[in-house]
């Protein structure tokens, strides 16, 4: 199983840029990109809460659990 962050979907639905979201949340655009591209290993609850507030959503709207191919190598 893999947990994916669906920030790209939320940004598209709200016509918001990565830079605008980063400014509202108080983290760097690079860190938003890490989350958006599913390269993050963890996320602080405070960051998740700030993302939800900025995007007017619930944590379940951002986080998705996906089945991972058991033969695939971890990046």
N, C-alpha and C. Protein backbone atom coordinates (compact mmCIF):
# COMPACT_ATOMS: atom_id res chain seq x y z
N UNK A 1 0.83 -1.18 0.00
CA UNK A 1 0.00 0.00 0.00
C UNK A 1 0.88 1.24 0.00
N UNK A 2 0.40 2.26 -0.63
CA UNK A 2 1.10 3.54 -0.67
C UNK A 2 0.09 4.65 -0.38
N UNK A 3 0.52 5.62 0.36
CA UNK A 3 -0.31 6.79 0.63
C UNK A 3 0.12 7.89 -0.34
N UNK A 4 -0.82 8.43 -1.06
CA UNK A 4 -0.56 9.48 -2.05
C UNK A 4 -1.24 10.77 -1.60
N UNK A 5 -0.61 11.89 -1.90
CA UNK A 5 -1.16 13.20 -1.58
C UNK A 5 -1.72 13.80 -2.86
N UNK A 6 -3.01 14.10 -2.87
CA UNK A 6 -3.70 14.55 -4.08
C UNK A 6 -3.77 16.07 -4.16
N UNK A 7 -2.65 16.73 -3.91
CA UNK A 7 -2.63 18.20 -3.96
C UNK A 7 -2.87 18.69 -5.37
N UNK A 8 -2.33 18.00 -6.37
CA UNK A 8 -2.50 18.46 -7.75
C UNK A 8 -3.97 18.55 -8.15
N UNK A 9 -4.77 17.60 -7.72
CA UNK A 9 -6.20 17.60 -8.02
C UNK A 9 -6.87 18.80 -7.34
N UNK A 10 -6.54 19.00 -6.08
CA UNK A 10 -7.13 20.10 -5.32
C UNK A 10 -6.74 21.46 -5.90
N UNK A 11 -5.48 21.60 -6.31
CA UNK A 11 -5.02 22.85 -6.92
C UNK A 11 -5.77 23.12 -8.22
N UNK A 12 -5.91 22.10 -9.04
CA UNK A 12 -6.60 22.26 -10.33
C UNK A 12 -8.06 22.66 -10.11
N UNK A 13 -8.72 22.00 -9.17
CA UNK A 13 -10.13 22.31 -8.90
C UNK A 13 -10.31 23.74 -8.41
N UNK A 14 -9.30 24.26 -7.71
CA UNK A 14 -9.40 25.60 -7.14
C UNK A 14 -8.67 26.66 -7.96
N UNK A 15 -8.10 26.24 -9.09
CA UNK A 15 -7.34 27.13 -9.97
C UNK A 15 -6.32 27.93 -9.15
N UNK A 16 -5.55 27.19 -8.35
CA UNK A 16 -4.55 27.79 -7.46
C UNK A 16 -3.17 27.29 -7.87
N UNK A 17 -2.17 28.14 -7.79
CA UNK A 17 -0.81 27.74 -8.13
C UNK A 17 -0.11 27.16 -6.90
N UNK A 18 0.99 26.45 -7.16
CA UNK A 18 1.81 25.90 -6.08
C UNK A 18 2.34 27.04 -5.21
N UNK A 19 2.78 28.12 -5.84
CA UNK A 19 3.31 29.27 -5.11
C UNK A 19 2.26 29.91 -4.20
N UNK A 20 1.05 30.04 -4.70
CA UNK A 20 -0.04 30.62 -3.91
C UNK A 20 -0.36 29.72 -2.71
N UNK A 21 -0.42 28.41 -2.93
CA UNK A 21 -0.69 27.48 -1.84
C UNK A 21 0.44 27.53 -0.81
N UNK A 22 1.68 27.55 -1.28
CA UNK A 22 2.83 27.60 -0.38
C UNK A 22 2.76 28.84 0.51
N UNK A 23 2.39 29.96 -0.07
CA UNK A 23 2.29 31.20 0.69
C UNK A 23 1.19 31.10 1.75
N UNK A 24 0.04 30.54 1.38
CA UNK A 24 -1.07 30.41 2.33
C UNK A 24 -0.74 29.44 3.47
N UNK A 25 0.01 28.38 3.15
CA UNK A 25 0.32 27.35 4.14
C UNK A 25 1.53 27.75 4.99
N UNK A 26 2.44 28.52 4.40
CA UNK A 26 3.63 28.93 5.14
C UNK A 26 4.80 27.96 4.99
N UNK A 27 4.84 27.24 3.88
CA UNK A 27 5.98 26.39 3.57
C UNK A 27 6.48 26.75 2.17
N UNK A 28 7.63 26.24 1.80
CA UNK A 28 8.23 26.61 0.52
C UNK A 28 7.52 25.91 -0.64
N UNK A 29 7.55 26.52 -1.82
CA UNK A 29 7.00 25.86 -3.00
C UNK A 29 7.69 24.51 -3.26
N UNK A 30 8.97 24.42 -2.92
CA UNK A 30 9.69 23.14 -3.10
C UNK A 30 9.07 22.04 -2.25
N UNK A 31 8.68 22.38 -1.03
CA UNK A 31 8.05 21.38 -0.16
C UNK A 31 6.65 21.01 -0.65
N UNK A 32 5.92 21.97 -1.19
CA UNK A 32 4.62 21.65 -1.81
C UNK A 32 4.84 20.69 -2.97
N UNK A 33 5.87 20.94 -3.78
CA UNK A 33 6.17 20.07 -4.92
C UNK A 33 6.54 18.65 -4.47
N UNK A 34 7.27 18.55 -3.37
CA UNK A 34 7.62 17.22 -2.84
C UNK A 34 6.34 16.46 -2.47
N UNK A 35 5.41 17.14 -1.82
CA UNK A 35 4.13 16.51 -1.49
C UNK A 35 3.34 16.18 -2.75
N UNK A 36 3.28 17.13 -3.66
CA UNK A 36 2.50 16.99 -4.90
C UNK A 36 3.00 15.83 -5.75
N UNK A 37 4.31 15.63 -5.77
CA UNK A 37 4.90 14.58 -6.60
C UNK A 37 5.07 13.25 -5.84
N UNK A 38 4.47 13.19 -4.65
CA UNK A 38 4.48 11.98 -3.83
C UNK A 38 5.89 11.49 -3.49
N UNK A 39 6.78 12.43 -3.19
CA UNK A 39 8.13 12.08 -2.77
C UNK A 39 8.32 12.23 -1.27
N UNK A 40 7.27 12.69 -0.57
CA UNK A 40 7.37 12.89 0.88
C UNK A 40 7.24 11.56 1.60
N UNK A 41 8.00 11.41 2.67
CA UNK A 41 7.93 10.21 3.51
C UNK A 41 7.01 10.43 4.71
N UNK A 42 6.74 11.69 5.04
CA UNK A 42 5.91 12.02 6.20
C UNK A 42 5.34 13.42 6.01
N UNK A 43 4.31 13.72 6.77
CA UNK A 43 3.74 15.06 6.78
C UNK A 43 3.31 15.36 8.22
N UNK A 44 3.65 16.54 8.69
CA UNK A 44 3.25 16.95 10.04
C UNK A 44 1.74 17.22 10.04
N UNK A 45 1.10 16.92 11.17
CA UNK A 45 -0.32 17.22 11.29
C UNK A 45 -0.58 18.71 11.13
N UNK A 46 0.33 19.53 11.62
CA UNK A 46 0.15 20.98 11.49
C UNK A 46 0.18 21.41 10.02
N UNK A 47 1.03 20.77 9.22
CA UNK A 47 1.08 21.06 7.79
C UNK A 47 -0.19 20.57 7.10
N UNK A 48 -0.63 19.37 7.46
CA UNK A 48 -1.86 18.82 6.89
C UNK A 48 -3.04 19.72 7.23
N UNK A 49 -3.09 20.19 8.46
CA UNK A 49 -4.17 21.09 8.87
C UNK A 49 -4.12 22.40 8.08
N UNK A 50 -2.92 22.95 7.90
CA UNK A 50 -2.78 24.20 7.14
C UNK A 50 -3.17 24.00 5.67
N UNK A 51 -2.80 22.85 5.09
CA UNK A 51 -3.21 22.55 3.71
C UNK A 51 -4.73 22.47 3.60
N UNK A 52 -5.34 21.78 4.56
CA UNK A 52 -6.80 21.65 4.54
C UNK A 52 -7.49 23.00 4.68
N UNK A 53 -6.94 23.84 5.54
CA UNK A 53 -7.52 25.18 5.71
C UNK A 53 -7.37 26.00 4.43
N UNK A 54 -6.20 25.97 3.82
CA UNK A 54 -5.95 26.75 2.60
C UNK A 54 -6.77 26.25 1.43
N UNK A 55 -7.01 24.93 1.38
CA UNK A 55 -7.75 24.34 0.26
C UNK A 55 -9.23 24.11 0.58
N UNK A 56 -9.64 24.46 1.80
CA UNK A 56 -11.02 24.28 2.24
C UNK A 56 -11.48 22.84 1.99
N UNK A 57 -10.74 21.90 2.61
CA UNK A 57 -11.04 20.49 2.42
C UNK A 57 -10.76 19.72 3.70
N UNK A 58 -11.01 18.44 3.67
CA UNK A 58 -10.74 17.54 4.79
C UNK A 58 -9.49 16.72 4.48
N UNK A 59 -8.81 16.18 5.50
CA UNK A 59 -7.62 15.36 5.25
C UNK A 59 -7.88 14.21 4.27
N UNK A 60 -9.05 13.61 4.35
CA UNK A 60 -9.38 12.51 3.44
C UNK A 60 -9.49 12.94 1.98
N UNK A 61 -9.69 14.23 1.75
CA UNK A 61 -9.72 14.75 0.38
C UNK A 61 -8.32 14.81 -0.21
N UNK A 62 -7.32 14.93 0.66
CA UNK A 62 -5.93 15.07 0.20
C UNK A 62 -5.17 13.74 0.17
N UNK A 63 -5.49 12.85 1.09
CA UNK A 63 -4.73 11.61 1.23
C UNK A 63 -5.48 10.44 0.61
N UNK A 64 -4.75 9.67 -0.19
CA UNK A 64 -5.31 8.50 -0.86
C UNK A 64 -4.43 7.30 -0.60
N UNK A 65 -5.04 6.16 -0.35
CA UNK A 65 -4.29 4.92 -0.20
C UNK A 65 -4.43 4.13 -1.50
N UNK A 66 -3.30 3.77 -2.08
CA UNK A 66 -3.30 3.03 -3.34
C UNK A 66 -2.55 1.72 -3.17
N UNK A 67 -3.00 0.71 -3.88
CA UNK A 67 -2.28 -0.56 -3.88
C UNK A 67 -0.98 -0.38 -4.63
N UNK A 68 0.07 -0.94 -4.08
CA UNK A 68 1.38 -0.86 -4.70
C UNK A 68 1.71 -2.22 -5.30
N UNK A 69 2.35 -2.22 -6.45
CA UNK A 69 2.80 -3.45 -7.10
C UNK A 69 3.85 -4.09 -6.21
N UNK A 70 3.61 -5.33 -5.72
CA UNK A 70 4.57 -5.96 -4.81
C UNK A 70 5.93 -6.24 -5.44
N UNK A 71 6.01 -6.22 -6.77
CA UNK A 71 7.29 -6.45 -7.44
C UNK A 71 8.05 -5.16 -7.70
N UNK A 72 7.39 -4.01 -7.46
CA UNK A 72 8.05 -2.73 -7.72
C UNK A 72 9.04 -2.41 -6.62
N UNK A 73 10.12 -1.76 -7.01
CA UNK A 73 11.14 -1.34 -6.05
C UNK A 73 10.77 0.00 -5.47
N UNK A 74 11.09 0.21 -4.19
CA UNK A 74 10.88 1.51 -3.58
C UNK A 74 11.90 2.49 -4.13
N UNK A 75 11.44 3.72 -4.41
CA UNK A 75 12.33 4.74 -4.95
C UNK A 75 13.17 5.37 -3.88
